[in-house]
């Protein structure tokens, strides 16, 4: 099925060190921050808890860290 992207704009707050790290990574790879962040989101591993482990609807996300 060929669908157009449904766009949702988000704003994130980064500490100075995080912002600098993202900027340096983007400069060294020649990629825009949007592409880097989108790739990181796609790489998230989501594990759902069983009903006995859940107190609310919660998802566990493993977030990779840029080095």
C-alpha atoms as a PDB file:
ATOM      1  CA  UNK A   1       0.000   0.000   0.000  1.00  0.00           C
ATOM      2  CA  UNK A   2       1.425   3.381  -1.004  1.00  0.00           C
ATOM      3  CA  UNK A   3       0.599   6.003   1.627  1.00  0.00           C
ATOM      4  CA  UNK A   4       1.885   9.517   2.032  1.00  0.00           C
ATOM      5  CA  UNK A   5       3.579  10.268   5.316  1.00  0.00           C
ATOM      6  CA  UNK A   6       1.330  11.421   8.117  1.00  0.00           C
ATOM      7  CA  UNK A   7       3.435  14.197   9.628  1.00  0.00           C
ATOM      8  CA  UNK A   8       3.520  14.913  13.333  1.00  0.00           C
ATOM      9  CA  UNK A   9       5.842  17.662  14.491  1.00  0.00           C
ATOM     10  CA  UNK A  10       7.491  17.260  17.889  1.00  0.00           C
ATOM     11  CA  UNK A  11       9.723  19.488  19.980  1.00  0.00           C
ATOM     12  CA  UNK A  12      12.423  18.049  22.227  1.00  0.00           C
ATOM     13  CA  UNK A  13      14.455  19.742  24.925  1.00  0.00           C
ATOM     14  CA  UNK A  14      18.133  18.849  24.965  1.00  0.00           C
ATOM     15  CA  UNK A  15      20.872  19.727  27.400  1.00  0.00           C
ATOM     16  CA  UNK A  16      23.765  21.671  25.868  1.00  0.00           C
ATOM     17  CA  UNK A  17      25.962  18.577  25.787  1.00  0.00           C
ATOM     18  CA  UNK A  18      23.248  16.540  24.068  1.00  0.00           C
ATOM     19  CA  UNK A  19      22.658  19.249  21.486  1.00  0.00           C
ATOM     20  CA  UNK A  20      26.390  19.567  20.786  1.00  0.00           C
ATOM     21  CA  UNK A  21      26.714  15.795  20.466  1.00  0.00           C
ATOM     22  CA  UNK A  22      23.854  15.646  17.961  1.00  0.00           C
ATOM     23  CA  UNK A  23      25.282  18.571  15.964  1.00  0.00           C
ATOM     24  CA  UNK A  24      28.759  16.995  15.837  1.00  0.00           C
ATOM     25  CA  UNK A  25      27.305  13.652  14.775  1.00  0.00           C
ATOM     26  CA  UNK A  26      25.276  15.311  12.017  1.00  0.00           C
ATOM     27  CA  UNK A  27      28.310  17.270  10.813  1.00  0.00           C
ATOM     28  CA  UNK A  28      30.520  14.183  10.744  1.00  0.00           C
ATOM     29  CA  UNK A  29      27.943  12.063   8.885  1.00  0.00           C
ATOM     30  CA  UNK A  30      26.524  14.819   6.677  1.00  0.00           C
ATOM     31  CA  UNK A  31      22.998  13.888   7.738  1.00  0.00           C
ATOM     32  CA  UNK A  32      20.286  16.209   9.047  1.00  0.00           C
ATOM     33  CA  UNK A  33      19.203  15.860  12.684  1.00  0.00           C
ATOM     34  CA  UNK A  34      15.681  14.910  11.586  1.00  0.00           C
ATOM     35  CA  UNK A  35      16.988  11.839   9.753  1.00  0.00           C
ATOM     36  CA  UNK A  36      19.220  10.820  12.662  1.00  0.00           C
ATOM     37  CA  UNK A  37      16.401  11.149  15.210  1.00  0.00           C
ATOM     38  CA  UNK A  38      13.940   9.326  12.935  1.00  0.00           C
ATOM     39  CA  UNK A  39      16.407   6.440  12.526  1.00  0.00           C
ATOM     40  CA  UNK A  40      16.924   6.237  16.300  1.00  0.00           C
ATOM     41  CA  UNK A  41      13.158   6.089  16.856  1.00  0.00           C
ATOM     42  CA  UNK A  42      12.800   3.321  14.262  1.00  0.00           C
ATOM     43  CA  UNK A  43      15.503   1.311  16.042  1.00  0.00           C
ATOM     44  CA  UNK A  44      13.670   1.330  19.389  1.00  0.00           C
ATOM     45  CA  UNK A  45      12.867  -2.087  20.788  1.00  0.00           C
ATOM     46  CA  UNK A  46       9.436  -2.090  22.414  1.00  0.00           C
ATOM     47  CA  UNK A  47       8.461  -4.844  24.834  1.00  0.00           C
ATOM     48  CA  UNK A  48       4.931  -5.004  26.208  1.00  0.00           C
ATOM     49  CA  UNK A  49       4.489  -6.127  29.804  1.00  0.00           C
ATOM     50  CA  UNK A  50       2.052  -8.903  30.696  1.00  0.00           C
ATOM     51  CA  UNK A  51      -1.220  -7.849  32.358  1.00  0.00           C
ATOM     52  CA  UNK A  52       0.067  -8.994  35.776  1.00  0.00           C
ATOM     53  CA  UNK A  53       3.130  -6.753  35.439  1.00  0.00           C
ATOM     54  CA  UNK A  54       1.175  -3.709  34.284  1.00  0.00           C
ATOM     55  CA  UNK A  55      -0.391  -1.173  36.556  1.00  0.00           C
ATOM     56  CA  UNK A  56      -1.097   1.147  33.626  1.00  0.00           C
ATOM     57  CA  UNK A  57      -0.574   0.915  29.883  1.00  0.00           C
ATOM     58  CA  UNK A  58       3.209   1.071  29.815  1.00  0.00           C
ATOM     59  CA  UNK A  59       5.746   0.257  27.151  1.00  0.00           C
ATOM     60  CA  UNK A  60       9.417  -0.358  27.845  1.00  0.00           C
ATOM     61  CA  UNK A  61      11.706   1.306  25.301  1.00  0.00           C
ATOM     62  CA  UNK A  62      15.411   0.640  24.909  1.00  0.00           C
ATOM     63  CA  UNK A  63      16.923   3.857  23.575  1.00  0.00           C
ATOM     64  CA  UNK A  64      20.277   3.651  21.791  1.00  0.00           C
ATOM     65  CA  UNK A  65      22.827   6.305  22.727  1.00  0.00           C
ATOM     66  CA  UNK A  66      24.841   8.272  20.160  1.00  0.00           C
ATOM     67  CA  UNK A  67      28.581   7.977  20.788  1.00  0.00           C
END
